[in-house]
């Protein structure tokens, strides 16, 4: 009874169908005009965007053609370099990945107990090898000397350093100076020149120190430089000595080409004196 009583009230509160239709009819023209206006604006905007895109595309194409025309060789080189670098990196990455996978697989198969057992067996084997044989008849002197020298090198010995600096430094320096002086005397002032190309009025010298090596002056200079580095304990001097040696190697190649041009007999001299700087070595 209560539900039936409330039903008429609900019907009374609902708007009538005719009223709804009149409201919708009033709204439809305005919404249609707004939608048409928005559609027109959208079409205009779309046309403007398309036109701007065409202009930009045209400008970009022209600029790209101009740049390509002016810098095509450089672009080609840069592209090849970039491709080469990319290929190298990809190859390295593949190798690294393969190596890591291999290491990971090996680590997964490692048995810690087996590793400890192998270390124990190796230690036992080394001790047995050390104790094997008849004492004092196995050449212990050489083994002991090897251990002493290794210990001295690892710990550092000021006295040994001082003796080496005194003997090697001045010794090499003086030996190099004497060698260079004797080589310059054998060469003679008329043949002396700083440049690789020989002097026009010079002669080929194959006597004296030049019977042992073809460039004894350079040998002496290197000994002087090495002696100075040993005496001063200078890492920079050792590095400069190495750089000087590399320079002499290249200078000798150039100089001997000039010597072969000037002296036809120089090829025979190269055969009879095969060493350039160090007898019996190089």
Protein backbone atom coordinates (compact mmCIF):
# COMPACT_ATOMS: atom_id res chain seq x y z
CA UNK A 1 0.00 0.00 0.00
CA UNK A 2 2.86 2.36 0.80
CA UNK A 3 4.54 1.71 -2.55
CA UNK A 4 1.32 2.37 -4.36
CA UNK A 5 0.86 5.56 -2.43
CA UNK A 6 4.32 6.90 -3.33
CA UNK A 7 4.06 6.11 -7.05
CA UNK A 8 1.83 9.06 -8.05
CA UNK A 9 4.25 11.45 -6.33
CA UNK A 10 7.13 10.15 -8.42
CA UNK A 11 5.15 10.57 -11.57
CA UNK A 12 4.34 14.11 -10.57
CA UNK A 13 7.95 15.04 -10.07
CA UNK A 14 9.14 13.68 -13.46
CA UNK A 15 9.12 16.21 -16.37
CA UNK A 16 6.70 15.56 -19.08
CA UNK A 17 7.84 14.19 -22.45
CA UNK A 18 6.57 17.22 -24.28
CA UNK A 19 8.68 19.55 -22.14
CA UNK A 20 11.81 17.49 -22.82
CA UNK A 21 11.18 17.56 -26.55
CA UNK A 22 10.77 21.34 -26.52
CA UNK A 23 14.04 21.79 -24.63
CA UNK A 24 15.95 19.51 -27.02
CA UNK A 25 14.53 21.35 -30.01
CA UNK A 26 15.73 24.65 -28.55
CA UNK A 27 19.26 23.34 -27.92
CA UNK A 28 19.82 21.55 -31.27
CA UNK A 29 20.20 24.59 -33.58
CA UNK A 30 22.84 26.23 -31.38
CA UNK A 31 24.83 23.01 -30.97
CA UNK A 32 24.66 22.36 -34.71
CA UNK A 33 25.96 25.86 -35.51
CA UNK A 34 28.79 25.48 -32.96
CA UNK A 35 29.74 22.09 -34.39
CA UNK A 36 29.76 23.44 -37.95
CA UNK A 37 31.87 26.40 -36.90
CA UNK A 38 34.34 24.11 -35.13
CA UNK A 39 34.51 21.85 -38.20
CA UNK A 40 35.23 24.85 -40.45
CA UNK A 41 37.92 26.10 -38.09
CA UNK A 42 39.44 22.62 -37.96
CA UNK A 43 39.55 22.39 -41.76
CA UNK A 44 41.22 25.81 -42.00
CA UNK A 45 43.74 24.87 -39.33
CA UNK A 46 44.46 21.59 -41.07
CA UNK A 47 44.99 23.39 -44.38
CA UNK A 48 47.33 25.93 -42.73
CA UNK A 49 49.32 23.14 -41.05
CA UNK A 50 49.64 21.22 -44.32
CA UNK A 51 50.83 24.32 -46.14
CA UNK A 52 53.36 25.12 -43.41
CA UNK A 53 54.58 21.50 -43.45
CA UNK A 54 55.07 21.69 -47.23
CA UNK A 55 57.08 24.91 -46.89
CA UNK A 56 59.26 23.46 -44.12
CA UNK A 57 59.77 20.24 -46.06
CA UNK A 58 60.83 22.23 -49.13
CA UNK A 59 63.28 24.36 -47.10
CA UNK A 60 64.75 21.31 -45.39
CA UNK A 61 65.17 19.50 -48.69
CA UNK A 62 66.94 22.47 -50.26
CA UNK A 63 69.22 22.91 -47.25
CA UNK A 64 70.03 19.21 -47.20
CA UNK A 65 70.91 19.25 -50.87
CA UNK A 66 73.14 22.30 -50.39
CA UNK A 67 74.97 20.73 -47.44
CA UNK A 68 75.32 17.42 -49.25
CA UNK A 69 76.74 19.19 -52.33
CA UNK A 70 79.29 21.16 -50.31
CA UNK A 71 80.38 18.49 -47.82
CA UNK A 72 79.74 15.18 -49.56
CA UNK A 73 83.35 13.90 -49.25
CA UNK A 74 83.55 14.79 -45.56
CA UNK A 75 80.12 13.33 -44.92
CA UNK A 76 81.10 10.13 -46.69
CA UNK A 77 84.29 9.88 -44.64
CA UNK A 78 82.46 10.61 -41.40
CA UNK A 79 79.79 8.06 -42.27
CA UNK A 80 82.39 5.41 -43.04
CA UNK A 81 84.24 6.19 -39.81
CA UNK A 82 81.01 6.05 -37.81
CA UNK A 83 80.08 2.76 -39.45
CA UNK A 84 83.53 1.32 -38.76
CA UNK A 85 83.38 2.45 -35.15
CA UNK A 86 79.90 1.01 -34.79
CA UNK A 87 81.01 -2.32 -36.27
CA UNK A 88 84.06 -2.45 -34.01
CA UNK A 89 81.98 -1.65 -30.94
CA UNK A 90 79.40 -4.27 -31.88
CA UNK A 91 82.14 -6.86 -32.40
CA UNK A 92 83.75 -5.97 -29.07
CA UNK A 93 80.39 -6.08 -27.34
CA UNK A 94 79.67 -9.51 -28.83
CA UNK A 95 83.09 -10.79 -27.76
CA UNK A 96 82.62 -9.40 -24.26
CA UNK A 97 79.17 -10.90 -24.00
CA UNK A 98 80.47 -14.27 -25.17
CA UNK A 99 83.36 -14.08 -22.70
CA UNK A 100 81.03 -13.20 -19.82
CA UNK A 101 78.72 -16.04 -20.71
CA UNK A 102 81.67 -18.41 -20.80
CA UNK A 103 82.94 -17.17 -17.43
CA UNK A 104 79.47 -17.39 -15.92
CA UNK A 105 79.05 -20.94 -17.19
CA UNK A 106 82.43 -21.95 -15.76
CA UNK A 107 81.68 -20.33 -12.40
CA UNK A 108 78.37 -22.14 -12.22
CA UNK A 109 80.19 -25.44 -12.71
CA UNK A 110 82.84 -24.70 -10.07
CA UNK A 111 82.71 -26.89 -7.01
CA UNK A 112 84.21 -25.05 -3.98
CA UNK A 113 85.12 -28.32 -2.29
CA UNK A 114 86.95 -29.48 -5.42
CA UNK A 115 88.87 -26.18 -5.60
CA UNK A 116 90.01 -26.51 -1.99
CA UNK A 117 90.99 -30.11 -2.64
CA UNK A 118 93.01 -29.10 -5.74
CA UNK A 119 94.83 -26.38 -3.79
CA UNK A 120 95.72 -28.88 -1.12
CA UNK A 121 97.02 -31.36 -3.67
CA UNK A 122 99.07 -28.68 -5.43
CA UNK A 123 100.61 -27.55 -2.14
CA UNK A 124 101.51 -31.11 -1.28
CA UNK A 125 103.06 -31.67 -4.71
CA UNK A 126 105.17 -28.49 -4.48
CA UNK A 127 106.43 -29.44 -1.02
CA UNK A 128 107.29 -32.95 -2.21
CA UNK A 129 109.19 -31.48 -5.19
CA UNK A 130 111.09 -29.16 -2.85
CA UNK A 131 112.09 -32.01 -0.54
CA UNK A 132 112.81 -34.57 -3.26
CA UNK A 133 116.35 -35.56 -4.17
CA UNK A 134 119.55 -35.77 -2.21
CA UNK A 135 120.37 -32.68 -0.23
CA UNK A 136 123.35 -30.54 -1.30
CA UNK A 137 123.47 -32.38 -4.62
CA UNK A 138 120.52 -30.75 -6.33
CA UNK A 139 122.12 -27.41 -7.24
CA UNK A 140 120.85 -25.61 -4.15
CA UNK A 141 123.27 -22.74 -4.70
CA UNK A 142 121.47 -21.62 -7.84
CA UNK A 143 118.03 -21.92 -6.30
CA UNK A 144 119.11 -20.00 -3.18
CA UNK A 145 120.72 -17.27 -5.30
CA UNK A 146 117.50 -16.98 -7.30
CA UNK A 147 115.46 -16.53 -4.13
CA UNK A 148 117.89 -13.95 -2.70
CA UNK A 149 117.88 -11.88 -5.89
CA UNK A 150 114.09 -12.01 -6.14
CA UNK A 151 113.79 -10.89 -2.51
CA UNK A 152 116.22 -8.02 -3.08
CA UNK A 153 114.34 -6.83 -6.15
CA UNK A 154 111.01 -6.87 -4.35
CA UNK A 155 112.18 -5.19 -1.14
CA UNK A 156 114.66 -2.71 -2.61
CA UNK A 157 118.30 -2.36 -1.60
CA UNK A 158 119.76 1.16 -1.22
CA UNK A 159 123.33 -0.14 -1.27
CA UNK A 160 122.79 -2.06 -4.49
CA UNK A 161 121.10 0.98 -6.02
CA UNK A 162 124.06 3.15 -5.09
CA UNK A 163 126.58 0.69 -6.54
CA UNK A 164 124.57 0.31 -9.73
CA UNK A 165 124.29 4.07 -10.11
CA UNK A 166 128.03 4.48 -9.54
CA UNK A 167 129.12 1.69 -11.87
CA UNK A 168 126.49 1.70 -14.58
CA UNK A 169 125.80 5.42 -14.76
CA UNK A 170 129.31 6.87 -15.11
CA UNK A 171 130.55 3.70 -16.79
CA UNK A 172 128.00 3.84 -19.57
CA UNK A 173 128.34 7.61 -19.86
CA UNK A 174 132.13 7.51 -20.24
CA UNK A 175 132.02 4.51 -22.57
CA UNK A 176 129.49 6.25 -24.79
CA UNK A 177 131.52 9.47 -24.88
CA UNK A 178 134.69 7.60 -25.84
CA UNK A 179 132.85 5.57 -28.47
CA UNK A 180 131.27 8.66 -30.02
CA UNK A 181 134.58 10.51 -30.03
CA UNK A 182 136.41 7.65 -31.73
CA UNK A 183 133.60 7.28 -34.29
CA UNK A 184 133.74 10.99 -35.12
CA UNK A 185 137.51 10.78 -35.59
CA UNK A 186 137.09 7.78 -37.91
CA UNK A 187 134.36 9.59 -39.85
CA UNK A 188 136.36 12.79 -40.28
CA UNK A 189 135.23 16.40 -40.25
CA UNK A 190 134.67 16.55 -44.05
CA UNK A 191 131.96 13.87 -43.73
CA UNK A 192 130.35 15.23 -40.55
CA UNK A 193 126.75 16.46 -40.89
CA UNK A 194 123.68 16.60 -38.69
CA UNK A 195 121.35 15.80 -41.57
CA UNK A 196 120.65 12.30 -42.94
CA UNK A 197 121.71 13.28 -46.46
CA UNK A 198 125.52 12.97 -46.81
CA UNK A 199 127.60 16.00 -47.72
CA UNK A 200 128.28 16.48 -51.43
CA UNK A 201 132.10 16.30 -51.11
CA UNK A 202 132.14 13.44 -48.60
CA UNK A 203 133.50 9.92 -48.92
CA UNK A 204 132.23 6.57 -47.71
CA UNK A 205 134.03 5.48 -44.51
CA UNK A 206 134.20 1.73 -43.83
CA UNK A 207 137.25 1.50 -41.55
CA UNK A 208 137.82 1.80 -37.82
CA UNK A 209 134.64 1.45 -35.77
CA UNK A 210 132.70 1.47 -39.04
CA UNK A 211 133.99 -2.06 -39.65
CA UNK A 212 131.98 -3.23 -36.61
CA UNK A 213 128.76 -1.22 -37.01
CA UNK A 214 127.54 1.17 -39.67
CA UNK A 215 126.51 3.96 -37.27
CA UNK A 216 128.84 3.96 -34.23
CA UNK A 217 128.24 7.65 -33.46
CA UNK A 218 124.59 6.91 -32.68
CA UNK A 219 125.65 3.94 -30.55
CA UNK A 220 127.84 6.18 -28.42
CA UNK A 221 125.16 8.83 -28.03
CA UNK A 222 122.68 6.22 -26.80
CA UNK A 223 125.20 4.91 -24.25
CA UNK A 224 125.74 8.46 -22.96
CA UNK A 225 121.98 8.99 -22.62
CA UNK A 226 121.49 5.63 -20.91
CA UNK A 227 124.36 6.30 -18.50
CA UNK A 228 122.87 9.66 -17.57
CA UNK A 229 119.48 8.05 -16.90
CA UNK A 230 121.07 5.34 -14.73
CA UNK A 231 123.12 7.86 -12.75
CA UNK A 232 120.19 10.20 -12.07
CA UNK A 233 117.52 7.50 -11.45
CA UNK A 234 115.26 9.56 -13.72
CA UNK A 235 112.30 7.81 -15.29
CA UNK A 236 111.99 10.74 -17.66
CA UNK A 237 115.60 10.29 -18.81
CA UNK A 238 114.97 6.61 -19.49
CA UNK A 239 111.87 7.54 -21.48
CA UNK A 240 113.83 10.14 -23.47
CA UNK A 241 116.55 7.56 -24.14
CA UNK A 242 113.94 5.21 -25.55
CA UNK A 243 112.54 8.04 -27.69
CA UNK A 244 116.06 8.88 -28.92
CA UNK A 245 116.64 5.23 -29.86
CA UNK A 246 113.38 5.15 -31.84
CA UNK A 247 114.39 8.37 -33.59
CA UNK A 248 117.79 6.94 -34.53
CA UNK A 249 116.18 3.80 -35.95
CA UNK A 250 114.02 5.89 -38.27
CA UNK A 251 116.86 8.29 -39.11
CA UNK A 252 119.12 5.37 -40.03
CA UNK A 253 116.53 4.10 -42.53
CA UNK A 254 116.35 7.50 -44.23
CA UNK A 255 120.09 8.07 -44.06
CA UNK A 256 120.95 4.73 -45.64
CA UNK A 257 118.63 5.42 -48.56
CA UNK A 258 120.58 8.64 -49.22
CA UNK A 259 123.89 6.79 -48.81
CA UNK A 260 122.87 4.17 -51.38
CA UNK A 261 121.96 6.93 -53.82
CA UNK A 262 125.33 8.68 -53.39
CA UNK A 263 127.58 5.63 -53.01
CA UNK A 264 126.79 2.61 -55.23
CA UNK A 265 129.16 0.47 -53.12
CA UNK A 266 127.08 1.07 -49.98
CA UNK A 267 124.99 -2.06 -50.66
CA UNK A 268 128.17 -4.17 -50.52
CA UNK A 269 129.13 -2.38 -47.31
CA UNK A 270 125.76 -3.32 -45.80
CA UNK A 271 126.49 -6.98 -46.55
CA UNK A 272 130.04 -6.93 -45.17
CA UNK A 273 128.94 -4.96 -42.05
CA UNK A 274 125.41 -6.17 -41.30
CA UNK A 275 125.04 -4.50 -37.87
CA UNK A 276 123.73 -0.95 -37.52
CA UNK A 277 124.23 -0.03 -33.86
CA UNK A 278 125.10 -3.06 -31.71
CA UNK A 279 127.71 -5.63 -32.85
CA UNK A 280 126.38 -9.17 -33.19
CA UNK A 281 122.88 -7.95 -32.27
CA UNK A 282 121.43 -5.25 -34.57
